[in-house]
Amino acid sequence: DPMERFDEDALRMLRGIRFAGQLLFQIEEKTYEA
């Protein structure tokens, strides 16, 4: 559950965007919404 993962550690939200940039990936819809 992305809400649980980000509630545990808020830095993960910015890390997810950073990984999207480094790997040229897209963020999955529920992860983006969370």
Full PDB file with SEQRES, HELIX, SHEET, SSBOND, CRYST1, ORIGX, SCALE, CONECT and MASTER records, all heavy atoms in Angstrom:
SEQRES   1 A   34  ASP PRO MET GLU ARG PHE ASP GLU ASP ALA LEU ARG MET          
SEQRES   2 A   34  LEU ARG GLY ILE ARG PHE ALA GLY GLN LEU LEU PHE GLN          
SEQRES   3 A   34  ILE GLU GLU LYS THR TYR GLU ALA                              
HELIX    1 AA1 PRO A    2  GLU A    8  1                                   7    
HELIX    2 AA2 LEU A   11  LEU A   23  1                                  13    
HELIX    3 AA3 GLU A   29  GLU A   33  1                                   5    
CRYST1    1.000    1.000    1.000  90.00  90.00  90.00 P 1           1          
ORIGX1      1.000000  0.000000  0.000000        0.00000                         
ORIGX2      0.000000  1.000000  0.000000        0.00000                         
ORIGX3      0.000000  0.000000  1.000000        0.00000                         
SCALE1      1.000000  0.000000  0.000000        0.00000                         
SCALE2      0.000000  1.000000  0.000000        0.00000                         
SCALE3      0.000000  0.000000  1.000000        0.00000                         
ATOM      1  N   ASP A   1       0.844  -1.201   0.000  1.00  0.00           N  
ATOM      2  CA  ASP A   1       0.000   0.000   0.000  1.00  0.00           C  
ATOM      3  C   ASP A   1       0.884   1.257   0.000  1.00  0.00           C  
ATOM      4  O   ASP A   1       1.624   1.496   0.968  1.00  0.00           O  
ATOM      5  CB  ASP A   1      -0.887  -0.017   1.242  1.00  0.00           C  
ATOM      6  CG  ASP A   1      -1.853   1.166   1.295  1.00  0.00           C  
ATOM      7  OD1 ASP A   1      -1.728   2.078   0.452  1.00  0.00           O  
ATOM      8  OD2 ASP A   1      -2.716   1.171   2.193  1.00  0.00           O  
ATOM      9  N   PRO A   2       0.828   2.081  -1.049  1.00  0.00           N  
ATOM     10  CA  PRO A   2       1.688   3.271  -1.080  1.00  0.00           C  
ATOM     11  C   PRO A   2       1.405   4.252   0.051  1.00  0.00           C  
ATOM     12  O   PRO A   2       2.319   4.935   0.523  1.00  0.00           O  
ATOM     13  CB  PRO A   2       1.389   3.894  -2.453  1.00  0.00           C  
ATOM     14  CG  PRO A   2       0.094   3.320  -2.891  1.00  0.00           C  
ATOM     15  CD  PRO A   2       0.036   1.955  -2.281  1.00  0.00           C  
ATOM     16  N   MET A   3       0.158   4.335   0.517  1.00  0.00           N  
ATOM     17  CA  MET A   3      -0.145   5.221   1.641  1.00  0.00           C  
ATOM     18  C   MET A   3       0.636   4.790   2.884  1.00  0.00           C  
ATOM     19  O   MET A   3       1.164   5.627   3.623  1.00  0.00           O  
ATOM     20  CB  MET A   3      -1.646   5.226   1.928  1.00  0.00           C  
ATOM     21  CG  MET A   3      -2.494   5.859   0.835  1.00  0.00           C  
ATOM     22  SD  MET A   3      -2.276   7.660   0.714  1.00  0.00           S  
ATOM     23  CE  MET A   3      -3.158   8.200   2.172  1.00  0.00           C  
ATOM     24  N   GLU A   4       0.738   3.484   3.108  1.00  0.00           N  
ATOM     25  CA  GLU A   4       1.493   2.983   4.255  1.00  0.00           C  
ATOM     26  C   GLU A   4       2.980   3.244   4.085  1.00  0.00           C  
ATOM     27  O   GLU A   4       3.661   3.687   5.015  1.00  0.00           O  
ATOM     28  CB  GLU A   4       1.247   1.480   4.436  1.00  0.00           C  
ATOM     29  CG  GLU A   4      -0.138   1.128   4.921  1.00  0.00           C  
ATOM     30  CD  GLU A   4      -0.291  -0.366   5.152  1.00  0.00           C  
ATOM     31  OE1 GLU A   4       0.751  -1.078   5.172  1.00  0.00           O  
ATOM     32  OE2 GLU A   4      -1.427  -0.830   5.301  1.00  0.00           O  
ATOM     33  N   ARG A   5       3.500   2.975   2.882  1.00  0.00           N  
ATOM     34  CA  ARG A   5       4.943   3.146   2.655  1.00  0.00           C  
ATOM     35  C   ARG A   5       5.355   4.604   2.847  1.00  0.00           C  
ATOM     36  O   ARG A   5       6.380   4.896   3.450  1.00  0.00           O  
ATOM     37  CB  ARG A   5       5.320   2.697   1.246  1.00  0.00           C  
ATOM     38  CG  ARG A   5       5.149   1.222   0.932  1.00  0.00           C  
ATOM     39  CD  ARG A   5       6.118   0.310   1.675  1.00  0.00           C  
ATOM     40  NE  ARG A   5       5.675   0.043   3.033  1.00  0.00           N  
ATOM     41  CZ  ARG A   5       4.682  -0.776   3.351  1.00  0.00           C  
ATOM     42  NH1 ARG A   5       4.026  -1.421   2.394  1.00  0.00           N  
ATOM     43  NH2 ARG A   5       4.345  -0.969   4.607  1.00  0.00           N  
ATOM     44  N   PHE A   6       4.551   5.541   2.345  1.00  0.00           N  
ATOM     45  CA  PHE A   6       4.910   6.953   2.454  1.00  0.00           C  
ATOM     46  C   PHE A   6       4.616   7.505   3.840  1.00  0.00           C  
ATOM     47  O   PHE A   6       5.301   8.425   4.305  1.00  0.00           O  
ATOM     48  CB  PHE A   6       4.180   7.778   1.389  1.00  0.00           C  
ATOM     49  CG  PHE A   6       4.588   7.452  -0.027  1.00  0.00           C  
ATOM     50  CD1 PHE A   6       3.659   7.496  -1.055  1.00  0.00           C  
ATOM     51  CD2 PHE A   6       5.887   7.097  -0.331  1.00  0.00           C  
ATOM     52  CE1 PHE A   6       4.028   7.206  -2.357  1.00  0.00           C  
ATOM     53  CE2 PHE A   6       6.271   6.798  -1.634  1.00  0.00           C  
ATOM     54  CZ  PHE A   6       5.333   6.855  -2.653  1.00  0.00           C  
ATOM     55  N   ASP A   7       3.611   6.956   4.507  1.00  0.00           N  
ATOM     56  CA  ASP A   7       3.329   7.386   5.872  1.00  0.00           C  
ATOM     57  C   ASP A   7       4.460   6.967   6.804  1.00  0.00           C  
ATOM     58  O   ASP A   7       4.785   7.670   7.762  1.00  0.00           O  
ATOM     59  CB  ASP A   7       2.002   6.794   6.352  1.00  0.00           C  
ATOM     60  CG  ASP A   7       1.557   7.392   7.677  1.00  0.00           C  
ATOM     61  OD1 ASP A   7       1.439   8.624   7.750  1.00  0.00           O  
ATOM     62  OD2 ASP A   7       1.350   6.625   8.641  1.00  0.00           O  
ATOM     63  N   GLU A   8       5.081   5.810   6.502  1.00  0.00           N  
ATOM     64  CA  GLU A   8       6.223   5.349   7.290  1.00  0.00           C  
ATOM     65  C   GLU A   8       7.418   6.296   7.128  1.00  0.00           C  
ATOM     66  O   GLU A   8       8.070   6.662   8.101  1.00  0.00           O  
ATOM     67  CB  GLU A   8       6.627   3.947   6.837  1.00  0.00           C  
ATOM     68  CG  GLU A   8       5.632   2.875   7.190  1.00  0.00           C  
ATOM     69  CD  GLU A   8       5.916   1.574   6.459  1.00  0.00           C  
ATOM     70  OE1 GLU A   8       6.726   1.566   5.508  1.00  0.00           O  
ATOM     71  OE2 GLU A   8       5.300   0.552   6.824  1.00  0.00           O  
ATOM     72  N   ASP A   9       7.706   6.653   5.887  1.00  0.00           N  
ATOM     73  CA  ASP A   9       8.894   7.465   5.605  1.00  0.00           C  
ATOM     74  C   ASP A   9       8.554   8.443   4.481  1.00  0.00           C  
ATOM     75  O   ASP A   9       8.482   8.062   3.309  1.00  0.00           O  
ATOM     76  CB  ASP A   9      10.066   6.557   5.205  1.00  0.00           C  
ATOM     77  CG  ASP A   9      11.352   7.336   4.970  1.00  0.00           C  
ATOM     78  OD1 ASP A   9      11.314   8.579   4.995  1.00  0.00           O  
ATOM     79  OD2 ASP A   9      12.401   6.694   4.754  1.00  0.00           O  
ATOM     80  N   ALA A  10       8.366   9.702   4.843  1.00  0.00           N  
ATOM     81  CA  ALA A  10       7.941  10.703   3.864  1.00  0.00           C  
ATOM     82  C   ALA A  10       8.999  10.962   2.788  1.00  0.00           C  
ATOM     83  O   ALA A  10       8.672  11.390   1.682  1.00  0.00           O  
ATOM     84  CB  ALA A  10       7.591  12.008   4.580  1.00  0.00           C  
ATOM     85  N   LEU A  11      10.262  10.707   3.098  1.00  0.00           N  
ATOM     86  CA  LEU A  11      11.308  10.934   2.097  1.00  0.00           C  
ATOM     87  C   LEU A  11      11.121  10.035   0.880  1.00  0.00           C  
ATOM     88  O   LEU A  11      11.572  10.366  -0.218  1.00  0.00           O  
ATOM     89  CB  LEU A  11      12.688  10.700   2.716  1.00  0.00           C  
ATOM     90  CG  LEU A  11      13.892  11.039   1.827  1.00  0.00           C  
ATOM     91  CD1 LEU A  11      13.910  12.526   1.471  1.00  0.00           C  
ATOM     92  CD2 LEU A  11      15.201  10.628   2.505  1.00  0.00           C  
ATOM     93  N   ARG A  12      10.446   8.901   1.062  1.00  0.00           N  
ATOM     94  CA  ARG A  12      10.227   7.977  -0.049  1.00  0.00           C  
ATOM     95  C   ARG A  12       9.476   8.641  -1.205  1.00  0.00           C  
ATOM     96  O   ARG A  12       9.651   8.252  -2.355  1.00  0.00           O  
ATOM     97  CB  ARG A  12       9.449   6.754   0.438  1.00  0.00           C  
ATOM     98  CG  ARG A  12      10.260   5.806   1.304  1.00  0.00           C  
ATOM     99  CD  ARG A  12       9.387   4.741   1.944  1.00  0.00           C  
ATOM    100  NE  ARG A  12      10.192   3.719   2.617  1.00  0.00           N  
ATOM    101  CZ  ARG A  12       9.692   2.808   3.439  1.00  0.00           C  
ATOM    102  NH1 ARG A  12       8.383   2.790   3.705  1.00  0.00           N  
ATOM    103  NH2 ARG A  12      10.485   1.915   3.996  1.00  0.00           N  
ATOM    104  N   MET A  13       8.652   9.631  -0.899  1.00  0.00           N  
ATOM    105  CA  MET A  13       7.915  10.309  -1.975  1.00  0.00           C  
ATOM    106  C   MET A  13       8.881  11.011  -2.929  1.00  0.00           C  
ATOM    107  O   MET A  13       8.767  10.893  -4.158  1.00  0.00           O  
ATOM    108  CB  MET A  13       6.927  11.313  -1.385  1.00  0.00           C  
ATOM    109  CG  MET A  13       5.844  10.671  -0.539  1.00  0.00           C  
ATOM    110  SD  MET A  13       4.625  11.863   0.087  1.00  0.00           S  
ATOM    111  CE  MET A  13       5.590  12.724   1.339  1.00  0.00           C  
ATOM    112  N   LEU A  14       9.837  11.725  -2.360  1.00  0.00           N  
ATOM    113  CA  LEU A  14      10.814  12.420  -3.198  1.00  0.00           C  
ATOM    114  C   LEU A  14      11.776  11.426  -3.840  1.00  0.00           C  
ATOM    115  O   LEU A  14      12.204  11.616  -4.988  1.00  0.00           O  
ATOM    116  CB  LEU A  14      11.575  13.447  -2.358  1.00  0.00           C  
ATOM    117  CG  LEU A  14      12.446  14.463  -3.120  1.00  0.00           C  
ATOM    118  CD1 LEU A  14      11.637  15.188  -4.184  1.00  0.00           C  
ATOM    119  CD2 LEU A  14      13.051  15.466  -2.140  1.00  0.00           C  
ATOM    120  N   ARG A  15      12.091  10.353  -3.132  1.00  0.00           N  
ATOM    121  CA  ARG A  15      12.940   9.301  -3.704  1.00  0.00           C  
ATOM    122  C   ARG A  15      12.276   8.667  -4.925  1.00  0.00           C  
ATOM    123  O   ARG A  15      12.931   8.382  -5.919  1.00  0.00           O  
ATOM    124  CB  ARG A  15      13.232   8.219  -2.659  1.00  0.00           C  
ATOM    125  CG  ARG A  15      14.364   8.560  -1.719  1.00  0.00           C  
ATOM    126  CD  ARG A  15      14.445   7.575  -0.560  1.00  0.00           C  
ATOM    127  NE  ARG A  15      14.561   6.190  -0.985  1.00  0.00           N  
ATOM    128  CZ  ARG A  15      15.715   5.598  -1.323  1.00  0.00           C  
ATOM    129  NH1 ARG A  15      16.838   6.286  -1.316  1.00  0.00           N  
ATOM    130  NH2 ARG A  15      15.746   4.328  -1.664  1.00  0.00           N  
ATOM    131  N   GLY A  16      10.969   8.471  -4.850  1.00  0.00           N  
ATOM    132  CA  GLY A  16      10.262   7.891  -5.987  1.00  0.00           C  
ATOM    133  C   GLY A  16      10.379   8.760  -7.219  1.00  0.00           C  
ATOM    134  O   GLY A  16      10.601   8.270  -8.341  1.00  0.00           O  
ATOM    135  N   ILE A  17      10.243  10.062  -7.032  1.00  0.00           N  
ATOM    136  CA  ILE A  17      10.382  10.989  -8.153  1.00  0.00           C  
ATOM    137  C   ILE A  17      11.831  11.015  -8.632  1.00  0.00           C  
ATOM    138  O   ILE A  17      12.103  11.074  -9.838  1.00  0.00           O  
ATOM    139  CB  ILE A  17       9.887  12.381  -7.748  1.00  0.00           C  
ATOM    140  CG1 ILE A  17       8.366  12.340  -7.554  1.00  0.00           C  
ATOM    141  CG2 ILE A  17      10.269  13.435  -8.785  1.00  0.00           C  
ATOM    142  CD1 ILE A  17       7.770  13.594  -6.968  1.00  0.00           C  
ATOM    143  N   ARG A  18      12.769  10.939  -7.697  1.00  0.00           N  
ATOM    144  CA  ARG A  18      14.181  10.896  -8.091  1.00  0.00           C  
ATOM    145  C   ARG A  18      14.486   9.651  -8.923  1.00  0.00           C  
ATOM    146  O   ARG A  18      15.167   9.716  -9.950  1.00  0.00           O  
ATOM    147  CB  ARG A  18      15.055  10.928  -6.841  1.00  0.00           C  
ATOM    148  CG  ARG A  18      16.531  11.017  -7.161  1.00  0.00           C  
ATOM    149  CD  ARG A  18      17.247   9.691  -6.988  1.00  0.00           C  
ATOM    150  NE  ARG A  18      17.335   9.313  -5.587  1.00  0.00           N  
ATOM    151  CZ  ARG A  18      17.967   8.208  -5.179  1.00  0.00           C  
ATOM    152  NH1 ARG A  18      18.521   7.385  -6.058  1.00  0.00           N  
ATOM    153  NH2 ARG A  18      17.986   7.880  -3.896  1.00  0.00           N  
ATOM    154  N   PHE A  19      13.970   8.487  -8.503  1.00  0.00           N  
ATOM    155  CA  PHE A  19      14.176   7.270  -9.296  1.00  0.00           C  
ATOM    156  C   PHE A  19      13.545   7.401 -10.683  1.00  0.00           C  
ATOM    157  O   PHE A  19      14.105   6.945 -11.678  1.00  0.00           O  
ATOM    158  CB  PHE A  19      13.605   6.049  -8.577  1.00  0.00           C  
ATOM    159  CG  PHE A  19      14.441   5.557  -7.432  1.00  0.00           C  
ATOM    160  CD1 PHE A  19      13.887   5.386  -6.171  1.00  0.00           C  
ATOM    161  CD2 PHE A  19      15.789   5.266  -7.602  1.00  0.00           C  
ATOM    162  CE1 PHE A  19      14.652   4.936  -5.108  1.00  0.00           C  
ATOM    163  CE2 PHE A  19      16.569   4.818  -6.548  1.00  0.00           C  
ATOM    164  CZ  PHE A  19      15.996   4.647  -5.298  1.00  0.00           C  
ATOM    165  N   ALA A  20      12.381   8.020 -10.743  1.00  0.00           N  
ATOM    166  CA  ALA A  20      11.730   8.232 -12.042  1.00  0.00           C  
ATOM    167  C   ALA A  20      12.630   9.059 -12.956  1.00  0.00           C  
ATOM    168  O   ALA A  20      12.706   8.807 -14.169  1.00  0.00           O  
ATOM    169  CB  ALA A  20      10.377   8.919 -11.851  1.00  0.00           C  
ATOM    170  N   GLY A  21      13.329  10.050 -12.375  1.00  0.00           N  
ATOM    171  CA  GLY A  21      14.240  10.864 -13.166  1.00  0.00           C  
ATOM    172  C   GLY A  21      15.488  10.117 -13.571  1.00  0.00           C  
ATOM    173  O   GLY A  21      15.905  10.147 -14.732  1.00  0.00           O  
ATOM    174  N   GLN A  22      16.107   9.422 -12.638  1.00  0.00           N  
ATOM    175  CA  GLN A  22      17.350   8.713 -12.943  1.00  0.00           C  
ATOM    176  C   GLN A  22      17.139   7.593 -13.953  1.00  0.00           C  
ATOM    177  O   GLN A  22      17.994   7.351 -14.807  1.00  0.00           O  
ATOM    178  CB  GLN A  22      17.948   8.131 -11.659  1.00  0.00           C  
ATOM    179  CG  GLN A  22      18.571   9.172 -10.739  1.00  0.00           C  
ATOM    180  CD  GLN A  22      19.222   8.541  -9.537  1.00  0.00           C  
ATOM    181  OE1 GLN A  22      18.683   7.599  -8.944  1.00  0.00           O  
ATOM    182  NE2 GLN A  22      20.376   9.052  -9.146  1.00  0.00           N  
ATOM    183  N   LEU A  23      16.008   6.898 -13.836  1.00  0.00           N  
ATOM    184  CA  LEU A  23      15.759   5.737 -14.692  1.00  0.00           C  
ATOM    185  C   LEU A  23      14.873   6.065 -15.886  1.00  0.00           C  
ATOM    186  O   LEU A  23      14.630   5.202 -16.738  1.00  0.00           O  
ATOM    187  CB  LEU A  23      15.107   4.620 -13.871  1.00  0.00           C  
ATOM    188  CG  LEU A  23      15.903   4.162 -12.634  1.00  0.00           C  
ATOM    189  CD1 LEU A  23      15.093   3.158 -11.827  1.00  0.00           C  
ATOM    190  CD2 LEU A  23      17.244   3.575 -13.045  1.00  0.00           C  
ATOM    191  N   LEU A  24      14.376   7.308 -15.951  1.00  0.00           N  
ATOM    192  CA  LEU A  24      13.445   7.734 -17.002  1.00  0.00           C  
ATOM    193  C   LEU A  24      12.181   6.877 -16.980  1.00  0.00           C  
ATOM    194  O   LEU A  24      11.681   6.438 -18.009  1.00  0.00           O  
ATOM    195  CB  LEU A  24      14.121   7.695 -18.381  1.00  0.00           C  
ATOM    196  CG  LEU A  24      15.346   8.606 -18.538  1.00  0.00           C  
ATOM    197  CD1 LEU A  24      15.966   8.438 -19.920  1.00  0.00           C  
ATOM    198  CD2 LEU A  24      14.984  10.060 -18.280  1.00  0.00           C  
ATOM    199  N   PHE A  25      11.655   6.634 -15.761  1.00  0.00           N  
ATOM    200  CA  PHE A  25      10.457   5.829 -15.550  1.00  0.00           C  
ATOM    201  C   PHE A  25       9.260   6.733 -15.289  1.00  0.00           C  
ATOM    202  O   PHE A  25       9.402   7.930 -15.054  1.00  0.00           O  
ATOM    203  CB  PHE A  25      10.638   4.890 -14.350  1.00  0.00           C  
ATOM    204  CG  PHE A  25      11.460   3.651 -14.627  1.00  0.00           C  
ATOM    205  CD1 PHE A  25      12.218   3.529 -15.791  1.00  0.00           C  
ATOM    206  CD2 PHE A  25      11.493   2.609 -13.721  1.00  0.00           C  
ATOM    207  CE1 PHE A  25      12.979   2.388 -16.038  1.00  0.00           C  
ATOM    208  CE2 PHE A  25      12.245   1.469 -13.943  1.00  0.00           C  
ATOM    209  CZ  PHE A  25      12.986   1.356 -15.102  1.00  0.00           C  
ATOM    210  N   GLN A  26       8.076   6.108 -15.294  1.00  0.00           N  
ATOM    211  CA  GLN A  26       6.839   6.776 -14.905  1.00  0.00           C  
ATOM    212  C   GLN A  26       6.416   6.274 -13.528  1.00  0.00           C  
ATOM    213  O   GLN A  26       6.769   5.162 -13.131  1.00  0.00           O  
ATOM    214  CB  GLN A  26       5.727   6.490 -15.925  1.00  0.00           C  
ATOM    215  CG  GLN A  26       6.059   6.924 -17.341  1.00  0.00           C  
ATOM    216  CD  GLN A  26       6.339   8.409 -17.447  1.00  0.00           C  
ATOM    217  OE1 GLN A  26       5.613   9.227 -16.881  1.00  0.00           O  
ATOM    218  NE2 GLN A  26       7.407   8.759 -18.161  1.00  0.00           N  
ATOM    219  N   ILE A  27       5.659   7.097 -12.802  1.00  0.00           N  
ATOM    220  CA  ILE A  27       5.175   6.695 -11.487  1.00  0.00           C  
ATOM    221  C   ILE A  27       3.782   6.092 -11.622  1.00  0.00           C  
ATOM    222  O   ILE A  27       2.885   6.688 -12.233  1.00  0.00           O  
ATOM    223  CB  ILE A  27       5.164   7.889 -10.521  1.00  0.00           C  
ATOM    224  CG1 ILE A  27       6.597   8.403 -10.319  1.00  0.00           C  
ATOM    225  CG2 ILE A  27       4.552   7.504  -9.179  1.00  0.00           C  
ATOM    226  CD1 ILE A  27       6.718   9.590  -9.381  1.00  0.00           C  
ATOM    227  N   GLU A  28       3.619   4.916 -11.071  1.00  0.00           N  
ATOM    228  CA  GLU A  28       2.340   4.197 -11.132  1.00  0.00           C  
ATOM    229  C   GLU A  28       1.230   5.026 -10.480  1.00  0.00           C  
ATOM    230  O   GLU A  28       1.481   5.795  -9.545  1.00  0.00           O  
ATOM    231  CB  GLU A  28       2.528   2.851 -10.428  1.00  0.00           C  
ATOM    232  CG  GLU A  28       1.289   1.981 -10.350  1.00  0.00           C  
ATOM    233  CD  GLU A  28       0.530   2.171  -9.048  1.00  0.00           C  
ATOM    234  OE1 GLU A  28       1.146   2.610  -8.055  1.00  0.00           O  
ATOM    235  OE2 GLU A  28      -0.679   1.876  -9.048  1.00  0.00           O  
ATOM    236  N   GLU A  29       0.013   4.899 -10.974  1.00  0.00           N  
ATOM    237  CA  GLU A  29      -1.087   5.800 -10.628  1.00  0.00           C  
ATOM    238  C   GLU A  29      -1.354   5.886  -9.121  1.00  0.00           C  
ATOM    239  O   GLU A  29      -1.440   6.982  -8.561  1.00  0.00           O  
ATOM    240  CB  GLU A  29      -2.363   5.356 -11.354  1.00  0.00           C  
ATOM    241  CG  GLU A  29      -3.544   6.274 -11.109  1.00  0.00           C  
ATOM    242  CD  GLU A  29      -4.795   5.841 -11.866  1.00  0.00           C  
ATOM    243  OE1 GLU A  29      -4.726   4.817 -12.577  1.00  0.00           O  
ATOM    244  OE2 GLU A  29      -5.829   6.520 -11.733  1.00  0.00           O  
ATOM    245  N   LYS A  30      -1.504   4.746  -8.433  1.00  0.00           N  
ATOM    246  CA  LYS A  30      -1.809   4.787  -7.003  1.00  0.00           C  
ATOM    247  C   LYS A  30      -0.642   5.362  -6.203  1.00  0.00           C  
ATOM    248  O   LYS A  30      -0.854   6.058  -5.194  1.00  0.00           O  
ATOM    249  CB  LYS A  30      -2.165   3.384  -6.497  1.00  0.00           C  
ATOM    250  CG  LYS A  30      -3.520   2.884  -6.997  1.00  0.00           C  
ATOM    251  CD  LYS A  30      -3.861   1.534  -6.388  1.00  0.00           C  
ATOM    252  CE  LYS A  30      -5.236   1.059  -6.865  1.00  0.00           C  
ATOM    253  NZ  LYS A  30      -5.583  -0.275  -6.293  1.00  0.00           N  
ATOM    254  N   THR A  31       0.563   5.085  -6.654  1.00  0.00           N  
ATOM    255  CA  THR A  31       1.752   5.644  -5.998  1.00  0.00           C  
ATOM    256  C   THR A  31       1.768   7.164  -6.160  1.00  0.00           C  
ATOM    257  O   THR A  31       2.039   7.910  -5.209  1.00  0.00           O  
ATOM    258  CB  THR A  31       3.021   5.014  -6.593  1.00  0.00           C  
ATOM    259  OG1 THR A  31       2.980   3.584  -6.404  1.00  0.00           O  
ATOM    260  CG2 THR A  31       4.276   5.571  -5.942  1.00  0.00           C  
ATOM    261  N   TYR A  32       1.458   7.631  -7.359  1.00  0.00           N  
ATOM    262  CA  TYR A  32       1.391   9.071  -7.650  1.00  0.00           C  
ATOM    263  C   TYR A  32       0.321   9.744  -6.789  1.00  0.00           C  
ATOM    264  O   TYR A  32       0.550  10.809  -6.192  1.00  0.00           O  
ATOM    265  CB  TYR A  32       1.090   9.254  -9.130  1.00  0.00           C  
ATOM    266  CG  TYR A  32       0.959  10.685  -9.583  1.00  0.00           C  
ATOM    267  CD1 TYR A  32       2.066  11.405 -10.021  1.00  0.00           C  
ATOM    268  CD2 TYR A  32      -0.278  11.330  -9.585  1.00  0.00           C  
ATOM    269  CE1 TYR A  32       1.951  12.722 -10.453  1.00  0.00           C  
ATOM    270  CE2 TYR A  32      -0.413  12.645 -10.001  1.00  0.00           C  
ATOM    271  CZ  TYR A  32       0.709  13.336 -10.437  1.00  0.00           C  
ATOM    272  OH  TYR A  32       0.584  14.632 -10.855  1.00  0.00           O  
ATOM    273  N   GLU A  33      -0.847   9.131  -6.704  1.00  0.00           N  
ATOM    274  CA  GLU A  33      -1.946   9.704  -5.921  1.00  0.00           C  
ATOM    275  C   GLU A  33      -1.588   9.785  -4.440  1.00  0.00           C  
ATOM    276  O   GLU A  33      -1.930  10.760  -3.752  1.00  0.00           O  
ATOM    277  CB  GLU A  33      -3.209   8.879  -6.121  1.00  0.00           C  
ATOM    278  CG  GLU A  33      -3.801   8.999  -7.525  1.00  0.00           C  
ATOM    279  CD  GLU A  33      -4.961   8.040  -7.749  1.00  0.00           C  
ATOM    280  OE1 GLU A  33      -5.228   7.202  -6.853  1.00  0.00           O  
ATOM    281  OE2 GLU A  33      -5.596   8.123  -8.823  1.00  0.00           O  
ATOM    282  N   ALA A  34      -0.895   8.766  -3.946  1.00  0.00           N  
ATOM    283  CA  ALA A  34      -0.508   8.751  -2.530  1.00  0.00           C  
ATOM    284  C   ALA A  34       0.490   9.873  -2.220  1.00  0.00           C  
ATOM    285  O   ALA A  34       0.451  10.467  -1.140  1.00  0.00           O  
ATOM    286  CB  ALA A  34       0.095   7.394  -2.162  1.00  0.00           C  
TER     287      ALA A  34                                                      
MASTER        0    0    0    3    0    0    0    6  286    1    0    3          
END                                                                             
